[in-house]
Amino acid sequence: MADDRRSEIIDHLKDQHGLAQVTMAWVRNRYDTSWDKLSRPRADAIAAWLKSQGIIHQPAELPSRETERVLLYSQFTNIGIVMAAARGEGFFENKPEVALQMLQGYASFLAKQESNRVAEGAVVE
């Protein structure tokens, strides 16, 4: 198994603040450079590795067609936590009340930020 480029997937997500859209060909090429094409078992192997790295993907079943685009996000980033809560994935799977509480807290935080911006704008004018 050639995994010398797998870290590029993780690095790309870090560069993109935990959220990226890529083609399955891009993922395949970094997961195992010896694979010349995808198949259902290979897409499933990639999905298992992504999960082991704390990376969630959308669609939930990785496509086996190389031209398909997928959304990858790290569940250990701010955006990943919000997305996982909203989708009921990762830590939030089977814990809708925890997801709701976290999202309500985040919504309150965003509302306060907006309120502060409006207040600052009124003072500046």
C-alpha atoms as a PDB file:
ATOM      1  CA  MET A   1       0.000   0.000   0.000  1.00  0.00           C
ATOM      2  CA  ALA A   2       1.468   3.334  -1.075  1.00  0.00           C
ATOM      3  CA  ASP A   3       0.568   5.962   1.499  1.00  0.00           C
ATOM      4  CA  ASP A   4       3.416   8.419   1.070  1.00  0.00           C
ATOM      5  CA  ARG A   5       1.040  11.123  -0.232  1.00  0.00           C
ATOM      6  CA  ARG A   6      -1.836  10.663   2.194  1.00  0.00           C
ATOM      7  CA  SER A   7      -0.552  13.475   4.358  1.00  0.00           C
ATOM      8  CA  GLU A   8      -1.288  15.811   1.426  1.00  0.00           C
ATOM      9  CA  ILE A   9      -5.005  15.275   2.038  1.00  0.00           C
ATOM     10  CA  ILE A  10      -4.611  16.342   5.659  1.00  0.00           C
ATOM     11  CA  ASP A  11      -2.338  19.259   4.716  1.00  0.00           C
ATOM     12  CA  HIS A  12      -4.817  20.451   2.071  1.00  0.00           C
ATOM     13  CA  LEU A  13      -7.610  20.464   4.633  1.00  0.00           C
ATOM     14  CA  LYS A  14      -5.433  22.451   7.031  1.00  0.00           C
ATOM     15  CA  ASP A  15      -4.645  24.952   4.276  1.00  0.00           C
ATOM     16  CA  GLN A  16      -8.373  25.278   3.537  1.00  0.00           C
ATOM     17  CA  HIS A  17      -9.315  25.812   7.223  1.00  0.00           C
ATOM     18  CA  GLY A  18     -10.716  22.309   7.588  1.00  0.00           C
ATOM     19  CA  LEU A  19     -13.035  22.289   4.566  1.00  0.00           C
ATOM     20  CA  ALA A  20     -12.318  21.402   0.931  1.00  0.00           C
ATOM     21  CA  GLN A  21     -14.065  20.158  -2.177  1.00  0.00           C
ATOM     22  CA  VAL A  22     -12.001  17.829  -4.357  1.00  0.00           C
ATOM     23  CA  THR A  23     -12.484  15.173  -7.014  1.00  0.00           C
ATOM     24  CA  MET A  24     -12.273  11.516  -6.193  1.00  0.00           C
ATOM     25  CA  ALA A  25      -9.361  11.292  -8.653  1.00  0.00           C
ATOM     26  CA  TRP A  26      -7.476  13.811  -6.499  1.00  0.00           C
ATOM     27  CA  VAL A  27      -8.209  11.778  -3.356  1.00  0.00           C
ATOM     28  CA  ARG A  28      -7.335   8.472  -5.017  1.00  0.00           C
ATOM     29  CA  ASN A  29      -4.034   9.831  -6.310  1.00  0.00           C
ATOM     30  CA  ARG A  30      -3.014  10.872  -2.804  1.00  0.00           C
ATOM     31  CA  TYR A  31      -4.385   7.833  -1.024  1.00  0.00           C
ATOM     32  CA  ASP A  32      -2.566   5.276  -3.168  1.00  0.00           C
ATOM     33  CA  THR A  33      -0.480   6.362  -6.153  1.00  0.00           C
ATOM     34  CA  SER A  34      -0.333   2.802  -7.472  1.00  0.00           C
ATOM     35  CA  TRP A  35      -4.075   2.727  -8.165  1.00  0.00           C
ATOM     36  CA  ASP A  36      -4.861   3.707 -11.722  1.00  0.00           C
ATOM     37  CA  LYS A  37      -8.628   3.800 -11.138  1.00  0.00           C
ATOM     38  CA  LEU A  38     -11.263   3.609  -8.453  1.00  0.00           C
ATOM     39  CA  SER A  39     -13.690   0.833  -7.580  1.00  0.00           C
ATOM     40  CA  ARG A  40     -16.298   0.429  -4.845  1.00  0.00           C
ATOM     41  CA  PRO A  41     -13.876  -1.493  -2.550  1.00  0.00           C
ATOM     42  CA  ARG A  42     -11.193   1.161  -3.088  1.00  0.00           C
ATOM     43  CA  ALA A  43     -13.606   4.013  -2.356  1.00  0.00           C
ATOM     44  CA  ASP A  44     -14.645   2.162   0.804  1.00  0.00           C
ATOM     45  CA  ALA A  45     -10.981   1.754   1.832  1.00  0.00           C
ATOM     46  CA  ILE A  46     -10.429   5.485   1.347  1.00  0.00           C
ATOM     47  CA  ALA A  47     -13.565   6.238   3.402  1.00  0.00           C
ATOM     48  CA  ALA A  48     -12.314   4.055   6.258  1.00  0.00           C
ATOM     49  CA  TRP A  49      -8.938   5.803   6.238  1.00  0.00           C
ATOM     50  CA  LEU A  50     -10.553   9.262   6.160  1.00  0.00           C
ATOM     51  CA  LYS A  51     -12.689   8.300   9.156  1.00  0.00           C
ATOM     52  CA  SER A  52      -9.593   7.113  11.032  1.00  0.00           C
ATOM     53  CA  GLN A  53      -8.084  10.561  10.438  1.00  0.00           C
ATOM     54  CA  GLY A  54     -11.148  12.424  11.738  1.00  0.00           C
ATOM     55  CA  ILE A  55     -12.167  13.493   8.232  1.00  0.00           C
ATOM     56  CA  ILE A  56     -15.842  13.410   7.346  1.00  0.00           C
ATOM     57  CA  HIS A  57     -16.983  13.340   3.723  1.00  0.00           C
ATOM     58  CA  GLN A  58     -20.089  14.204   1.819  1.00  0.00           C
ATOM     59  CA  PRO A  59     -21.713  12.315   0.239  1.00  0.00           C
ATOM     60  CA  ALA A  60     -21.826   9.791   3.056  1.00  0.00           C
ATOM     61  CA  GLU A  61     -20.820   7.006   0.663  1.00  0.00           C
ATOM     62  CA  LEU A  62     -17.744   8.049  -1.272  1.00  0.00           C
ATOM     63  CA  PRO A  63     -18.346   7.742  -5.007  1.00  0.00           C
ATOM     64  CA  SER A  64     -16.317   5.261  -7.007  1.00  0.00           C
ATOM     65  CA  ARG A  65     -16.250   7.540 -10.075  1.00  0.00           C
ATOM     66  CA  GLU A  66     -13.141   9.694 -10.304  1.00  0.00           C
ATOM     67  CA  THR A  67     -14.947  12.692 -11.793  1.00  0.00           C
ATOM     68  CA  GLU A  68     -17.286  13.001  -8.812  1.00  0.00           C
ATOM     69  CA  ARG A  69     -16.605  15.841  -6.414  1.00  0.00           C
ATOM     70  CA  VAL A  70     -16.687  15.295  -2.670  1.00  0.00           C
ATOM     71  CA  LEU A  71     -16.687  17.605   0.295  1.00  0.00           C
ATOM     72  CA  LEU A  72     -14.113  16.778   2.956  1.00  0.00           C
ATOM     73  CA  TYR A  73     -13.983  18.371   6.366  1.00  0.00           C
ATOM     74  CA  SER A  74     -12.024  17.769   9.510  1.00  0.00           C
ATOM     75  CA  GLN A  75     -14.188  17.189  12.530  1.00  0.00           C
ATOM     76  CA  PHE A  76     -11.425  18.703  14.673  1.00  0.00           C
ATOM     77  CA  THR A  77     -11.731  22.233  13.264  1.00  0.00           C
ATOM     78  CA  ASN A  78     -14.241  24.956  14.084  1.00  0.00           C
ATOM     79  CA  ILE A  79     -16.079  24.537  10.776  1.00  0.00           C
ATOM     80  CA  GLY A  80     -15.949  20.766  11.107  1.00  0.00           C
ATOM     81  CA  ILE A  81     -17.564  20.870  14.523  1.00  0.00           C
ATOM     82  CA  VAL A  82     -20.378  23.098  13.239  1.00  0.00           C
ATOM     83  CA  MET A  83     -20.926  20.923  10.165  1.00  0.00           C
ATOM     84  CA  ALA A  84     -20.857  17.688  12.148  1.00  0.00           C
ATOM     85  CA  ALA A  85     -23.380  19.102  14.614  1.00  0.00           C
ATOM     86  CA  ALA A  86     -25.676  20.324  11.848  1.00  0.00           C
ATOM     87  CA  ARG A  87     -25.499  16.972  10.053  1.00  0.00           C
ATOM     88  CA  GLY A  88     -25.584  14.791  13.178  1.00  0.00           C
ATOM     89  CA  GLU A  89     -22.271  13.157  12.301  1.00  0.00           C
ATOM     90  CA  GLY A  90     -19.115  12.221  14.163  1.00  0.00           C
ATOM     91  CA  PHE A  91     -19.336  13.044  17.859  1.00  0.00           C
ATOM     92  CA  PHE A  92     -22.926  14.251  17.379  1.00  0.00           C
ATOM     93  CA  GLU A  93     -24.239  11.029  15.851  1.00  0.00           C
ATOM     94  CA  ASN A  94     -27.186   9.819  17.940  1.00  0.00           C
ATOM     95  CA  LYS A  95     -26.870  12.901  20.189  1.00  0.00           C
ATOM     96  CA  PRO A  96     -29.317  15.431  18.686  1.00  0.00           C
ATOM     97  CA  GLU A  97     -29.774  17.327  21.951  1.00  0.00           C
ATOM     98  CA  VAL A  98     -26.014  17.895  22.257  1.00  0.00           C
ATOM     99  CA  ALA A  99     -25.867  19.043  18.625  1.00  0.00           C
ATOM    100  CA  LEU A 100     -28.795  21.411  19.178  1.00  0.00           C
ATOM    101  CA  GLN A 101     -27.231  22.896  22.285  1.00  0.00           C
ATOM    102  CA  MET A 102     -23.919  23.464  20.514  1.00  0.00           C
ATOM    103  CA  LEU A 103     -25.589  25.018  17.458  1.00  0.00           C
ATOM    104  CA  GLN A 104     -27.776  27.266  19.618  1.00  0.00           C
ATOM    105  CA  GLY A 105     -24.679  28.474  21.455  1.00  0.00           C
ATOM    106  CA  TYR A 106     -22.921  29.155  18.165  1.00  0.00           C
ATOM    107  CA  ALA A 107     -25.976  30.964  16.761  1.00  0.00           C
ATOM    108  CA  SER A 108     -26.075  33.137  19.884  1.00  0.00           C
ATOM    109  CA  PHE A 109     -22.376  33.916  19.481  1.00  0.00           C
ATOM    110  CA  LEU A 110     -22.895  34.947  15.836  1.00  0.00           C
ATOM    111  CA  ALA A 111     -25.908  37.093  16.751  1.00  0.00           C
ATOM    112  CA  LYS A 112     -23.847  38.910  19.392  1.00  0.00           C
ATOM    113  CA  GLN A 113     -21.076  39.522  16.867  1.00  0.00           C
ATOM    114  CA  GLU A 114     -23.579  40.972  14.408  1.00  0.00           C
ATOM    115  CA  SER A 115     -25.123  43.120  17.118  1.00  0.00           C
ATOM    116  CA  ASN A 116     -21.672  44.432  18.067  1.00  0.00           C
ATOM    117  CA  ARG A 117     -20.896  45.242  14.411  1.00  0.00           C
ATOM    118  CA  VAL A 118     -24.140  47.148  14.071  1.00  0.00           C
ATOM    119  CA  ALA A 119     -23.468  49.043  17.322  1.00  0.00           C
ATOM    120  CA  GLU A 120     -19.912  49.857  16.228  1.00  0.00           C
ATOM    121  CA  GLY A 121     -21.222  51.037  12.848  1.00  0.00           C
ATOM    122  CA  ALA A 122     -23.727  53.323  14.557  1.00  0.00           C
ATOM    123  CA  VAL A 123     -20.978  54.819  16.729  1.00  0.00           C
ATOM    124  CA  VAL A 124     -18.625  55.361  13.768  1.00  0.00           C
ATOM    125  CA  GLU A 125     -21.206  57.141  11.641  1.00  0.00           C
END
